[in-house]
Amino acid sequence: MPNKDFLIQLAHTKMPYGKYKDRYLIDLPEYYIVWYHSKGFPKGKLGDMLNQVYELKLNGLEDMVRTIQKQYSK
């Protein structure tokens, strides 16, 4: 289970490149996250976050991240 700080950071992180650049990671289309899962997530923190987004979407927990976005708005 990720820690609170990681989830807060994940909630406010946007995709840094590609077709979905500047979209919050939690708002990336499910098919895109599944594609990354099958292809392999990038190395480093972005990959860790995308993997967590995959797990959250898989378990229907996207609203938890959206709640965090509202509670901890920057």
PDB file of N, CA and C in Angstrom:
ATOM      1  N   MET A   1       0.850  -1.180   0.000  1.00  0.00           N
ATOM      2  CA  MET A   1       0.000   0.000   0.000  1.00  0.00           C
ATOM      3  C   MET A   1       0.893   1.240   0.000  1.00  0.00           C
ATOM      4  N   PRO A   2       0.648   2.164  -0.921  1.00  0.00           N
ATOM      5  CA  PRO A   2       1.471   3.375  -0.973  1.00  0.00           C
ATOM      6  C   PRO A   2       1.213   4.265   0.235  1.00  0.00           C
ATOM      7  N   ASN A   3       2.211   5.066   0.558  1.00  0.00           N
ATOM      8  CA  ASN A   3       2.033   5.968   1.694  1.00  0.00           C
ATOM      9  C   ASN A   3       1.269   7.223   1.275  1.00  0.00           C
ATOM     10  N   LYS A   4       0.841   7.979   2.277  1.00  0.00           N
ATOM     11  CA  LYS A   4       0.009   9.166   2.055  1.00  0.00           C
ATOM     12  C   LYS A   4       0.697  10.174   1.142  1.00  0.00           C
ATOM     13  N   ASP A   5       1.971  10.464   1.394  1.00  0.00           N
ATOM     14  CA  ASP A   5       2.692  11.451   0.585  1.00  0.00           C
ATOM     15  C   ASP A   5       2.773  11.026  -0.881  1.00  0.00           C
ATOM     16  N   PHE A   6       2.988   9.722  -1.109  1.00  0.00           N
ATOM     17  CA  PHE A   6       3.053   9.207  -2.479  1.00  0.00           C
ATOM     18  C   PHE A   6       1.707   9.408  -3.178  1.00  0.00           C
ATOM     19  N   LEU A   7       0.605   9.113  -2.482  1.00  0.00           N
ATOM     20  CA  LEU A   7      -0.723   9.280  -3.082  1.00  0.00           C
ATOM     21  C   LEU A   7      -1.040  10.745  -3.360  1.00  0.00           C
ATOM     22  N   ILE A   8      -0.630  11.629  -2.463  1.00  0.00           N
ATOM     23  CA  ILE A   8      -0.853  13.064  -2.699  1.00  0.00           C
ATOM     24  C   ILE A   8      -0.067  13.513  -3.931  1.00  0.00           C
ATOM     25  N   GLN A   9       1.170  13.072  -4.034  1.00  0.00           N
ATOM     26  CA  GLN A   9       1.979  13.437  -5.197  1.00  0.00           C
ATOM     27  C   GLN A   9       1.385  12.828  -6.472  1.00  0.00           C
ATOM     28  N   LEU A  10       0.970  11.570  -6.404  1.00  0.00           N
ATOM     29  CA  LEU A  10       0.358  10.911  -7.560  1.00  0.00           C
ATOM     30  C   LEU A  10      -0.885  11.682  -8.014  1.00  0.00           C
ATOM     31  N   ALA A  11      -1.687  12.129  -7.063  1.00  0.00           N
ATOM     32  CA  ALA A  11      -2.925  12.839  -7.380  1.00  0.00           C
ATOM     33  C   ALA A  11      -2.669  14.135  -8.150  1.00  0.00           C
ATOM     34  N   HIS A  12      -1.488  14.715  -7.983  1.00  0.00           N
ATOM     35  CA  HIS A  12      -1.189  15.999  -8.621  1.00  0.00           C
ATOM     36  C   HIS A  12      -0.167  15.896  -9.757  1.00  0.00           C
ATOM     37  N   THR A  13       0.198  14.683 -10.138  1.00  0.00           N
ATOM     38  CA  THR A  13       1.178  14.503 -11.204  1.00  0.00           C
ATOM     39  C   THR A  13       0.478  14.359 -12.547  1.00  0.00           C
ATOM     40  N   LYS A  14       1.022  15.061 -13.525  1.00  0.00           N
ATOM     41  CA  LYS A  14       0.488  15.000 -14.881  1.00  0.00           C
ATOM     42  C   LYS A  14       1.449  14.244 -15.782  1.00  0.00           C
ATOM     43  N   MET A  15       0.909  13.659 -16.823  1.00  0.00           N
ATOM     44  CA  MET A  15       1.722  12.933 -17.797  1.00  0.00           C
ATOM     45  C   MET A  15       2.671  13.931 -18.458  1.00  0.00           C
ATOM     46  N   PRO A  16       3.980  13.644 -18.435  1.00  0.00           N
ATOM     47  CA  PRO A  16       4.948  14.631 -18.923  1.00  0.00           C
ATOM     48  C   PRO A  16       5.162  14.628 -20.444  1.00  0.00           C
ATOM     49  N   TYR A  17       4.625  13.643 -21.148  1.00  0.00           N
ATOM     50  CA  TYR A  17       4.896  13.555 -22.598  1.00  0.00           C
ATOM     51  C   TYR A  17       3.803  12.761 -23.300  1.00  0.00           C
ATOM     52  N   GLY A  18       3.869  12.770 -24.624  1.00  0.00           N
ATOM     53  CA  GLY A  18       2.989  11.937 -25.431  1.00  0.00           C
ATOM     54  C   GLY A  18       1.617  12.529 -25.683  1.00  0.00           C
ATOM     55  N   LYS A  19       0.762  11.682 -26.202  1.00  0.00           N
ATOM     56  CA  LYS A  19      -0.596  12.060 -26.589  1.00  0.00           C
ATOM     57  C   LYS A  19      -1.381  12.657 -25.417  1.00  0.00           C
ATOM     58  N   TYR A  20      -1.122  12.163 -24.222  1.00  0.00           N
ATOM     59  CA  TYR A  20      -1.865  12.601 -23.042  1.00  0.00           C
ATOM     60  C   TYR A  20      -1.064  13.540 -22.147  1.00  0.00           C
ATOM     61  N   LYS A  21      -0.109  14.237 -22.734  1.00  0.00           N
ATOM     62  CA  LYS A  21       0.714  15.188 -21.986  1.00  0.00           C
ATOM     63  C   LYS A  21      -0.187  16.180 -21.242  1.00  0.00           C
ATOM     64  N   ASP A  22       0.182  16.484 -20.008  1.00  0.00           N
ATOM     65  CA  ASP A  22      -0.502  17.442 -19.138  1.00  0.00           C
ATOM     66  C   ASP A  22      -1.843  16.951 -18.593  1.00  0.00           C
ATOM     67  N   ARG A  23      -2.166  15.681 -18.784  1.00  0.00           N
ATOM     68  CA  ARG A  23      -3.370  15.104 -18.181  1.00  0.00           C
ATOM     69  C   ARG A  23      -2.956  14.420 -16.880  1.00  0.00           C
ATOM     70  N   TYR A  24      -3.758  14.605 -15.826  1.00  0.00           N
ATOM     71  CA  TYR A  24      -3.451  13.922 -14.570  1.00  0.00           C
ATOM     72  C   TYR A  24      -3.359  12.416 -14.813  1.00  0.00           C
ATOM     73  N   LEU A  25      -2.409  11.781 -14.148  1.00  0.00           N
ATOM     74  CA  LEU A  25      -2.206  10.348 -14.346  1.00  0.00           C
ATOM     75  C   LEU A  25      -3.480   9.555 -14.074  1.00  0.00           C
ATOM     76  N   ILE A  26      -4.230   9.939 -13.055  1.00  0.00           N
ATOM     77  CA  ILE A  26      -5.447   9.209 -12.714  1.00  0.00           C
ATOM     78  C   ILE A  26      -6.508   9.367 -13.801  1.00  0.00           C
ATOM     79  N   ASP A  27      -6.388  10.391 -14.630  1.00  0.00           N
ATOM     80  CA  ASP A  27      -7.359  10.639 -15.695  1.00  0.00           C
ATOM     81  C   ASP A  27      -6.950  10.034 -17.036  1.00  0.00           C
ATOM     82  N   LEU A  28      -5.823   9.342 -17.071  1.00  0.00           N
ATOM     83  CA  LEU A  28      -5.426   8.675 -18.308  1.00  0.00           C
ATOM     84  C   LEU A  28      -6.432   7.574 -18.619  1.00  0.00           C
ATOM     85  N   PRO A  29      -6.737   7.351 -19.898  1.00  0.00           N
ATOM     86  CA  PRO A  29      -7.692   6.298 -20.250  1.00  0.00           C
ATOM     87  C   PRO A  29      -7.210   4.919 -19.777  1.00  0.00           C
ATOM     88  N   GLU A  30      -8.156   4.114 -19.373  1.00  0.00           N
ATOM     89  CA  GLU A  30      -7.818   2.790 -18.849  1.00  0.00           C
ATOM     90  C   GLU A  30      -7.053   1.960 -19.872  1.00  0.00           C
ATOM     91  N   TYR A  31      -7.463   2.004 -21.156  1.00  0.00           N
ATOM     92  CA  TYR A  31      -6.765   1.209 -22.168  1.00  0.00           C
ATOM     93  C   TYR A  31      -5.291   1.599 -22.284  1.00  0.00           C
ATOM     94  N   TYR A  32      -4.987   2.869 -22.052  1.00  0.00           N
ATOM     95  CA  TYR A  32      -3.609   3.357 -22.130  1.00  0.00           C
ATOM     96  C   TYR A  32      -2.775   2.793 -20.974  1.00  0.00           C
ATOM     97  N   ILE A  33      -3.359   2.788 -19.786  1.00  0.00           N
ATOM     98  CA  ILE A  33      -2.671   2.230 -18.618  1.00  0.00           C
ATOM     99  C   ILE A  33      -2.474   0.720 -18.792  1.00  0.00           C
ATOM    100  N   VAL A  34      -3.479   0.037 -19.316  1.00  0.00           N
ATOM    101  CA  VAL A  34      -3.367  -1.416 -19.558  1.00  0.00           C
ATOM    102  C   VAL A  34      -2.286  -1.678 -20.601  1.00  0.00           C
ATOM    103  N   TRP A  35      -2.218  -0.840 -21.633  1.00  0.00           N
ATOM    104  CA  TRP A  35      -1.188  -0.984 -22.667  1.00  0.00           C
ATOM    105  C   TRP A  35       0.199  -0.847 -22.030  1.00  0.00           C
ATOM    106  N   TYR A  36       0.365   0.168 -21.191  1.00  0.00           N
ATOM    107  CA  TYR A  36       1.640   0.351 -20.499  1.00  0.00           C
ATOM    108  C   TYR A  36       1.958  -0.859 -19.625  1.00  0.00           C
ATOM    109  N   HIS A  37       0.957  -1.385 -18.955  1.00  0.00           N
ATOM    110  CA  HIS A  37       1.154  -2.553 -18.092  1.00  0.00           C
ATOM    111  C   HIS A  37       1.684  -3.735 -18.894  1.00  0.00           C
ATOM    112  N   SER A  38       1.134  -3.945 -20.085  1.00  0.00           N
ATOM    113  CA  SER A  38       1.587  -5.075 -20.906  1.00  0.00           C
ATOM    114  C   SER A  38       2.939  -4.799 -21.561  1.00  0.00           C
ATOM    115  N   LYS A  39       3.211  -3.532 -21.885  1.00  0.00           N
ATOM    116  CA  LYS A  39       4.463  -3.144 -22.529  1.00  0.00           C
ATOM    117  C   LYS A  39       5.605  -3.034 -21.520  1.00  0.00           C
ATOM    118  N   GLY A  40       5.245  -2.586 -20.323  1.00  0.00           N
ATOM    119  CA  GLY A  40       6.244  -2.319 -19.286  1.00  0.00           C
ATOM    120  C   GLY A  40       6.251  -0.834 -18.967  1.00  0.00           C
ATOM    121  N   PHE A  41       6.087  -0.515 -17.703  1.00  0.00           N
ATOM    122  CA  PHE A  41       6.094   0.884 -17.286  1.00  0.00           C
ATOM    123  C   PHE A  41       7.506   1.439 -17.371  1.00  0.00           C
ATOM    124  N   PRO A  42       7.630   2.751 -17.582  1.00  0.00           N
ATOM    125  CA  PRO A  42       8.969   3.350 -17.595  1.00  0.00           C
ATOM    126  C   PRO A  42       9.650   3.171 -16.236  1.00  0.00           C
ATOM    127  N   LYS A  43      10.942   3.269 -16.244  1.00  0.00           N
ATOM    128  CA  LYS A  43      11.721   3.164 -15.004  1.00  0.00           C
ATOM    129  C   LYS A  43      11.530   4.418 -14.164  1.00  0.00           C
ATOM    130  N   GLY A  44      11.725   4.286 -12.886  1.00  0.00           N
ATOM    131  CA  GLY A  44      11.724   5.441 -11.997  1.00  0.00           C
ATOM    132  C   GLY A  44      10.365   5.760 -11.420  1.00  0.00           C
ATOM    133  N   LYS A  45      10.269   6.972 -10.907  1.00  0.00           N
ATOM    134  CA  LYS A  45       9.082   7.409 -10.182  1.00  0.00           C
ATOM    135  C   LYS A  45       7.835   7.432 -11.062  1.00  0.00           C
ATOM    136  N   LEU A  46       7.957   7.884 -12.308  1.00  0.00           N
ATOM    137  CA  LEU A  46       6.798   7.904 -13.206  1.00  0.00           C
ATOM    138  C   LEU A  46       6.262   6.489 -13.397  1.00  0.00           C
ATOM    139  N   GLY A  47       7.137   5.541 -13.612  1.00  0.00           N
ATOM    140  CA  GLY A  47       6.721   4.154 -13.766  1.00  0.00           C
ATOM    141  C   GLY A  47       6.034   3.627 -12.515  1.00  0.00           C
ATOM    142  N   ASP A  48       6.564   3.979 -11.356  1.00  0.00           N
ATOM    143  CA  ASP A  48       5.946   3.569 -10.088  1.00  0.00           C
ATOM    144  C   ASP A  48       4.536   4.147  -9.971  1.00  0.00           C
ATOM    145  N   MET A  49       4.402   5.405 -10.366  1.00  0.00           N
ATOM    146  CA  MET A  49       3.091   6.052 -10.285  1.00  0.00           C
ATOM    147  C   MET A  49       2.112   5.440 -11.282  1.00  0.00           C
ATOM    148  N   LEU A  50       2.566   5.195 -12.508  1.00  0.00           N
ATOM    149  CA  LEU A  50       1.681   4.577 -13.502  1.00  0.00           C
ATOM    150  C   LEU A  50       1.256   3.177 -13.063  1.00  0.00           C
ATOM    151  N   ASN A  51       2.170   2.441 -12.452  1.00  0.00           N
ATOM    152  CA  ASN A  51       1.827   1.120 -11.927  1.00  0.00           C
ATOM    153  C   ASN A  51       0.774   1.236 -10.827  1.00  0.00           C
ATOM    154  N   GLN A  52       0.911   2.238  -9.982  1.00  0.00           N
ATOM    155  CA  GLN A  52      -0.075   2.449  -8.916  1.00  0.00           C
ATOM    156  C   GLN A  52      -1.422   2.848  -9.507  1.00  0.00           C
ATOM    157  N   VAL A  53      -1.414   3.686 -10.546  1.00  0.00           N
ATOM    158  CA  VAL A  53      -2.660   4.065 -11.215  1.00  0.00           C
ATOM    159  C   VAL A  53      -3.338   2.818 -11.791  1.00  0.00           C
ATOM    160  N   TYR A  54      -2.542   1.920 -12.369  1.00  0.00           N
ATOM    161  CA  TYR A  54      -3.084   0.666 -12.892  1.00  0.00           C
ATOM    162  C   TYR A  54      -3.797  -0.104 -11.774  1.00  0.00           C
ATOM    163  N   GLU A  55      -3.154  -0.234 -10.635  1.00  0.00           N
ATOM    164  CA  GLU A  55      -3.741  -0.968  -9.510  1.00  0.00           C
ATOM    165  C   GLU A  55      -5.004  -0.273  -8.992  1.00  0.00           C
ATOM    166  N   LEU A  56      -4.963   1.044  -8.913  1.00  0.00           N
ATOM    167  CA  LEU A  56      -6.134   1.788  -8.448  1.00  0.00           C
ATOM    168  C   LEU A  56      -7.312   1.612  -9.394  1.00  0.00           C
ATOM    169  N   LYS A  57      -7.058   1.727 -10.698  1.00  0.00           N
ATOM    170  CA  LYS A  57      -8.124   1.556 -11.680  1.00  0.00           C
ATOM    171  C   LYS A  57      -8.645   0.121 -11.671  1.00  0.00           C
ATOM    172  N   LEU A  58      -7.753  -0.825 -11.552  1.00  0.00           N
ATOM    173  CA  LEU A  58      -8.126  -2.237 -11.511  1.00  0.00           C
ATOM    174  C   LEU A  58      -9.093  -2.521 -10.358  1.00  0.00           C
ATOM    175  N   ASN A  59      -8.895  -1.815  -9.255  1.00  0.00           N
ATOM    176  CA  ASN A  59      -9.717  -2.027  -8.068  1.00  0.00           C
ATOM    177  C   ASN A  59     -10.811  -0.974  -7.877  1.00  0.00           C
ATOM    178  N   GLY A  60     -11.016  -0.136  -8.895  1.00  0.00           N
ATOM    179  CA  GLY A  60     -12.090   0.857  -8.848  1.00  0.00           C
ATOM    180  C   GLY A  60     -11.899   1.943  -7.806  1.00  0.00           C
ATOM    181  N   LEU A  61     -10.656   2.357  -7.579  1.00  0.00           N
ATOM    182  CA  LEU A  61     -10.358   3.330  -6.526  1.00  0.00           C
ATOM    183  C   LEU A  61      -9.961   4.707  -7.060  1.00  0.00           C
ATOM    184  N   GLU A  62     -10.320   5.010  -8.297  1.00  0.00           N
ATOM    185  CA  GLU A  62      -9.959   6.310  -8.865  1.00  0.00           C
ATOM    186  C   GLU A  62     -10.539   7.471  -8.059  1.00  0.00           C
ATOM    187  N   ASP A  63     -11.741   7.283  -7.531  1.00  0.00           N
ATOM    188  CA  ASP A  63     -12.379   8.363  -6.771  1.00  0.00           C
ATOM    189  C   ASP A  63     -11.591   8.735  -5.526  1.00  0.00           C
ATOM    190  N   MET A  64     -10.874   7.777  -4.966  1.00  0.00           N
ATOM    191  CA  MET A  64     -10.041   8.077  -3.806  1.00  0.00           C
ATOM    192  C   MET A  64      -8.981   9.121  -4.183  1.00  0.00           C
ATOM    193  N   VAL A  65      -8.383   8.972  -5.342  1.00  0.00           N
ATOM    194  CA  VAL A  65      -7.356   9.917  -5.792  1.00  0.00           C
ATOM    195  C   VAL A  65      -7.993  11.258  -6.125  1.00  0.00           C
ATOM    196  N   ARG A  66      -9.171  11.250  -6.702  1.00  0.00           N
ATOM    197  CA  ARG A  66      -9.857  12.514  -7.009  1.00  0.00           C
ATOM    198  C   ARG A  66     -10.227  13.259  -5.727  1.00  0.00           C
ATOM    199  N   THR A  67     -10.577  12.523  -4.688  1.00  0.00           N
ATOM    200  CA  THR A  67     -10.847  13.133  -3.386  1.00  0.00           C
ATOM    201  C   THR A  67      -9.577  13.764  -2.830  1.00  0.00           C
ATOM    202  N   ILE A  68      -8.473  13.076  -2.967  1.00  0.00           N
ATOM    203  CA  ILE A  68      -7.179  13.620  -2.526  1.00  0.00           C
ATOM    204  C   ILE A  68      -6.858  14.892  -3.299  1.00  0.00           C
ATOM    205  N   GLN A  69      -7.149  14.904  -4.604  1.00  0.00           N
ATOM    206  CA  GLN A  69      -6.898  16.099  -5.408  1.00  0.00           C
ATOM    207  C   GLN A  69      -7.657  17.296  -4.840  1.00  0.00           C
ATOM    208  N   LYS A  70      -8.890  17.077  -4.441  1.00  0.00           N
ATOM    209  CA  LYS A  70      -9.713  18.166  -3.897  1.00  0.00           C
ATOM    210  C   LYS A  70      -9.240  18.594  -2.507  1.00  0.00           C
ATOM    211  N   GLN A  71      -8.926  17.622  -1.670  1.00  0.00           N
ATOM    212  CA  GLN A  71      -8.522  17.926  -0.298  1.00  0.00           C
ATOM    213  C   GLN A  71      -7.168  18.605  -0.222  1.00  0.00           C
ATOM    214  N   TYR A  72      -6.267  18.223  -1.101  1.00  0.00           N
ATOM    215  CA  TYR A  72      -4.909  18.738  -1.073  1.00  0.00           C
ATOM    216  C   TYR A  72      -4.607  19.524  -2.341  1.00  0.00           C
ATOM    217  N   SER A  73      -5.540  20.376  -2.746  1.00  0.00           N
ATOM    218  CA  SER A  73      -5.320  21.141  -3.969  1.00  0.00           C
ATOM    219  C   SER A  73      -4.141  22.073  -3.783  1.00  0.00           C
ATOM    220  N   LYS A  74      -3.391  22.218  -4.860  1.00  0.00           N
ATOM    221  CA  LYS A  74      -2.182  23.050  -4.818  1.00  0.00           C
ATOM    222  C   LYS A  74      -2.491  24.453  -5.254  1.00  0.00           C
TER     223      LYS A  74
END
